[in-house]
Structure formats: C-alpha cells, structure tokens
Amino acid sequence: MIRKLLLALVLLPATACSTNTVVLSPTSLYGAYTPTVLNYASTRGGILVDVTGNPFDAPQEDLEQAITQSMTGAHFGQRVAFVTTPPEDFAVPYRVVLVFDAAQHHTELKLCRFDHGIAPQTGEKVRVHAALCANESPLTGVSGAVGEARDPGDPHFRHLIRQITLNLFPPSNPDHCSDRGNCVRF
C-alpha cells in the first residue's frame, strides 16, 4: 500500500507537468453565488463575456467566438447564451471576465471591476484568470493554464475554456446548505 502511494506521488508531478494538461486553481465561491444565475440569464439574453488579451496570433473575433462556443453547454443547469457583444436591450447583471496571460494572479474583486486595468502578457503557456461577476461583485472565480495550444480552435484550448466554465458555474453553493445537507441545486 505504501509503495503504491509513493509511486502515485512520484508520477503525479510528471502528469501535472504534461504540456497539454489543463491545470486549474481551486474555485473561489462567494456567498452571493446561486446556481439560479443561469436560469435568470437564459430568459433575459444570456451572459456577457468580457475578454482581455489574446494568447494567439489570431483575430480577437476568432478568439471570442471560440470561447463562447466552448462555454456553451459546458456547465450544469439551464442552457444559456454567452455573448461578447450584448444586444441593445441587454440588462443582465451577470458577466464572465477572462484575462489571458496576465503576469500574476489577480483577485476576483479586481477582475469584476469594469475598469480592472489588468494588462495581458504573453508566455509559452496559455494562462487565464476568470471570474463570474454580478455587476462589480464576484460570485465565483478560477484560474487555469494549458500548454501546446496553437490557436483558438485547438482542442487543448477549448478543453481549458470548458473546464473554466464548469468551475465558474457549480451546481450548488455550500453556503446555501442546511444542517441536513439540503442545498439549492439545479
């Protein structure tokens, strides 16, 4: 048994260092988050996606389209449209902020400010910091990275975006659970 545990501990770093492996930080979950965010947004035009930076030598529109396509359906609950350009009558307070290749980790509080002032930087890995915001208040947040992504259509990049989306919209919030374990869920 101890031998298997030691072998697993030795192999874990090698697996985690694979250049095409998606690596995520633990998800930050704020008390105001409820999974019904998706229900509300699905009936009112979707969720705005705010993209800062571009880790690829590709037009920004191609990156944004790949992101919104990858996000669609990559979460629990009600299907919702993810849009980078809101329609004229758009009044949904929720948005996802994605900052690519930022030099350092940024808090969700900073990401959710409308003028967050974060400058993207490039590197050999695609790094992204993401937050689900209600106006300027964070609801959830997660950071992730993947290597060997060549362009917005790369399967490794799309997998990163799907995993980020899944973590930004968890099916429940432990802060909304009773002592018996009953939680608000999808």
Protein backbone atom coordinates (compact mmCIF):
# COMPACT_ATOMS: atom_id res chain seq x y z
CA MET A 1 0.00 0.00 0.00
CA ILE A 2 2.73 2.47 0.94
CA ARG A 3 4.60 1.52 -2.24
CA LYS A 4 1.54 2.39 -4.38
CA LEU A 5 1.15 5.71 -2.57
CA LEU A 6 4.81 6.59 -3.12
CA LEU A 7 4.57 5.63 -6.80
CA ALA A 8 1.49 7.82 -7.18
CA LEU A 9 3.28 10.75 -5.53
CA VAL A 10 6.25 10.30 -7.87
CA LEU A 11 4.10 10.07 -11.00
CA LEU A 12 1.74 12.92 -10.08
CA PRO A 13 4.23 15.73 -10.81
CA ALA A 14 5.14 14.16 -14.16
CA THR A 15 1.48 14.02 -15.13
CA ALA A 16 0.79 17.55 -13.94
CA CYS A 17 3.71 18.87 -15.99
CA SER A 18 2.48 17.46 -19.28
CA THR A 19 2.32 20.41 -21.65
CA ASN A 20 -1.20 19.70 -22.89
CA THR A 21 -2.76 19.09 -19.47
CA VAL A 22 -5.28 21.61 -18.17
CA VAL A 23 -4.34 22.81 -14.70
CA LEU A 24 -6.89 24.74 -12.61
CA SER A 25 -6.71 26.56 -9.30
CA PRO A 26 -9.32 25.78 -6.67
CA THR A 27 -12.56 27.61 -7.42
CA SER A 28 -13.34 30.67 -5.33
CA LEU A 29 -17.01 30.61 -4.36
CA TYR A 30 -18.66 33.67 -2.82
CA GLY A 31 -21.76 33.60 -0.62
CA ALA A 32 -23.87 35.51 -3.15
CA TYR A 33 -23.50 32.78 -5.79
CA THR A 34 -26.55 30.69 -6.52
CA PRO A 35 -26.91 28.24 -9.42
CA THR A 36 -30.08 30.05 -10.49
CA VAL A 37 -27.84 32.66 -12.15
CA LEU A 38 -28.08 30.59 -15.32
CA ASN A 39 -31.87 30.34 -15.13
CA TYR A 40 -32.19 34.10 -14.85
CA ALA A 41 -29.69 34.84 -17.63
CA SER A 42 -31.17 32.24 -20.01
CA THR A 43 -34.52 34.05 -20.03
CA ARG A 44 -33.02 37.52 -20.49
CA GLY A 45 -30.50 37.25 -23.31
CA GLY A 46 -27.53 35.40 -21.86
CA ILE A 47 -24.32 36.26 -20.09
CA LEU A 48 -21.81 38.80 -21.34
CA VAL A 49 -18.24 37.53 -21.80
CA ASP A 50 -15.53 40.18 -21.37
CA VAL A 51 -12.20 39.02 -22.87
CA THR A 52 -8.94 40.84 -22.15
CA GLY A 53 -5.84 39.73 -24.02
CA ASN A 54 -5.24 37.22 -26.78
CA PRO A 55 -2.67 34.45 -26.35
CA PHE A 56 -2.69 33.62 -30.07
CA ASP A 57 -1.70 35.22 -33.33
CA ALA A 58 -5.35 35.26 -34.37
CA PRO A 59 -8.01 37.95 -34.71
CA GLN A 60 -9.75 38.84 -31.43
CA GLU A 61 -13.12 37.98 -33.00
CA ASP A 62 -11.92 34.40 -33.70
CA LEU A 63 -10.75 34.04 -30.10
CA GLU A 64 -14.03 35.37 -28.70
CA GLN A 65 -16.09 33.09 -30.96
CA ALA A 66 -14.06 30.03 -29.90
CA ILE A 67 -14.52 31.00 -26.25
CA THR A 68 -18.29 31.48 -26.42
CA GLN A 69 -18.73 28.27 -28.44
CA SER A 70 -16.64 26.33 -25.92
CA MET A 71 -18.55 27.79 -22.97
CA THR A 72 -21.99 26.94 -24.36
CA GLY A 73 -23.30 23.81 -22.67
CA ALA A 74 -20.12 23.34 -20.60
CA HIS A 75 -21.88 23.90 -17.28
CA PHE A 76 -24.57 22.48 -15.05
CA GLY A 77 -28.12 23.72 -15.35
CA GLN A 78 -30.10 25.75 -17.81
CA ARG A 79 -28.55 26.29 -21.23
CA VAL A 80 -27.58 29.93 -21.67
CA ALA A 81 -26.13 32.04 -24.48
CA PHE A 82 -22.69 33.53 -23.92
CA VAL A 83 -22.24 36.77 -25.87
CA THR A 84 -19.33 39.16 -26.34
CA THR A 85 -21.49 41.93 -27.80
CA PRO A 86 -24.73 42.48 -25.92
CA PRO A 87 -27.93 43.34 -27.79
CA GLU A 88 -29.32 46.87 -27.33
CA ASP A 89 -31.85 45.92 -24.66
CA PHE A 90 -29.42 43.70 -22.72
CA ALA A 91 -29.94 44.18 -18.97
CA VAL A 92 -28.46 41.03 -17.40
CA PRO A 93 -26.16 41.96 -14.50
CA TYR A 94 -24.02 38.81 -14.89
CA ARG A 95 -20.82 38.59 -16.90
CA VAL A 96 -17.79 36.39 -17.18
CA VAL A 97 -14.43 38.16 -17.25
CA LEU A 98 -11.50 36.30 -18.81
CA VAL A 99 -7.98 37.77 -18.68
CA PHE A 100 -5.38 35.88 -20.71
CA ASP A 101 -1.70 35.62 -19.87
CA ALA A 102 -1.78 38.08 -17.03
CA ALA A 103 1.61 38.38 -15.34
CA GLN A 104 0.30 37.49 -11.90
CA HIS A 105 -2.79 36.14 -10.20
CA HIS A 106 -5.50 38.73 -9.77
CA THR A 107 -8.36 38.58 -7.32
CA GLU A 108 -11.93 38.21 -8.50
CA LEU A 109 -12.65 41.60 -6.91
CA LYS A 110 -10.18 43.21 -9.31
CA LEU A 111 -11.41 41.22 -12.31
CA CYS A 112 -15.02 42.24 -11.69
CA ARG A 113 -14.32 45.97 -11.70
CA PHE A 114 -15.46 47.37 -15.03
CA ASP A 115 -12.12 49.12 -15.43
CA HIS A 116 -9.87 46.42 -13.98
CA GLY A 117 -6.70 47.83 -15.55
CA ILE A 118 -5.07 44.42 -15.97
CA ALA A 119 -2.58 44.26 -18.83
CA PRO A 120 -2.25 40.90 -20.59
CA GLN A 121 1.18 39.44 -21.24
CA THR A 122 2.28 36.55 -23.41
CA GLY A 123 4.09 33.38 -22.45
CA GLU A 124 4.61 29.83 -23.61
CA LYS A 125 1.55 28.57 -21.72
CA VAL A 126 -1.96 29.88 -22.14
CA ARG A 127 -2.91 31.26 -18.75
CA VAL A 128 -6.34 32.63 -17.92
CA HIS A 129 -7.88 34.22 -14.86
CA ALA A 130 -11.68 34.11 -14.84
CA ALA A 131 -14.49 35.44 -12.70
CA LEU A 132 -18.27 35.31 -12.79
CA CYS A 133 -19.48 38.74 -11.75
CA ALA A 134 -22.79 40.33 -10.79
CA ASN A 135 -22.07 43.89 -11.87
CA GLU A 136 -18.81 44.56 -9.96
CA SER A 137 -19.28 41.86 -7.30
CA PRO A 138 -17.60 38.47 -7.72
CA LEU A 139 -19.69 35.31 -7.49
CA THR A 140 -17.07 32.71 -8.46
CA GLY A 141 -13.52 32.67 -9.79
CA VAL A 142 -10.91 30.27 -11.10
CA SER A 143 -7.56 30.37 -12.88
CA GLY A 144 -6.20 27.86 -15.35
CA ALA A 145 -3.42 27.10 -17.77
CA VAL A 146 -2.60 24.77 -20.63
CA GLY A 147 0.42 24.43 -22.91
CA GLU A 148 0.68 23.40 -26.55
CA ALA A 149 -2.39 25.34 -27.63
CA ARG A 150 -1.64 26.72 -31.09
CA ASP A 151 -4.80 28.69 -31.88
CA PRO A 152 -8.35 29.35 -30.63
CA GLY A 153 -9.61 26.16 -32.31
CA ASP A 154 -7.04 23.92 -30.62
CA PRO A 155 -8.75 21.11 -28.65
CA HIS A 156 -6.50 21.75 -25.62
CA PHE A 157 -7.53 25.41 -25.51
CA ARG A 158 -11.22 24.54 -25.91
CA HIS A 159 -10.88 21.99 -23.10
CA LEU A 160 -9.37 24.69 -20.87
CA ILE A 161 -12.32 27.01 -21.55
CA ARG A 162 -14.86 24.23 -20.89
CA GLN A 163 -13.18 23.40 -17.56
CA ILE A 164 -13.08 27.08 -16.58
CA THR A 165 -16.80 27.36 -17.41
CA LEU A 166 -17.69 24.24 -15.44
CA ASN A 167 -15.90 25.66 -12.40
CA LEU A 168 -17.43 29.13 -12.72
CA PHE A 169 -20.97 27.67 -12.59
CA PRO A 170 -21.00 24.95 -9.90
CA PRO A 171 -24.30 23.10 -9.31
CA SER A 172 -24.59 24.29 -5.70
CA ASN A 173 -23.15 26.65 -3.12
CA PRO A 174 -22.28 25.10 0.26
CA ASP A 175 -23.10 28.46 1.88
CA HIS A 176 -26.74 27.83 0.90
CA CYS A 177 -26.99 24.39 2.51
CA SER A 178 -28.97 23.50 5.60
CA ASP A 179 -27.56 21.49 8.52
CA ARG A 180 -29.10 18.41 6.91
CA GLY A 181 -27.09 18.92 3.72
CA ASN A 182 -30.01 20.19 1.63
CA CYS A 183 -28.65 22.71 -0.87
CA VAL A 184 -30.05 24.94 -3.56
CA ARG A 185 -29.16 22.99 -6.70
CA PHE A 186 -30.07 22.83 -10.34
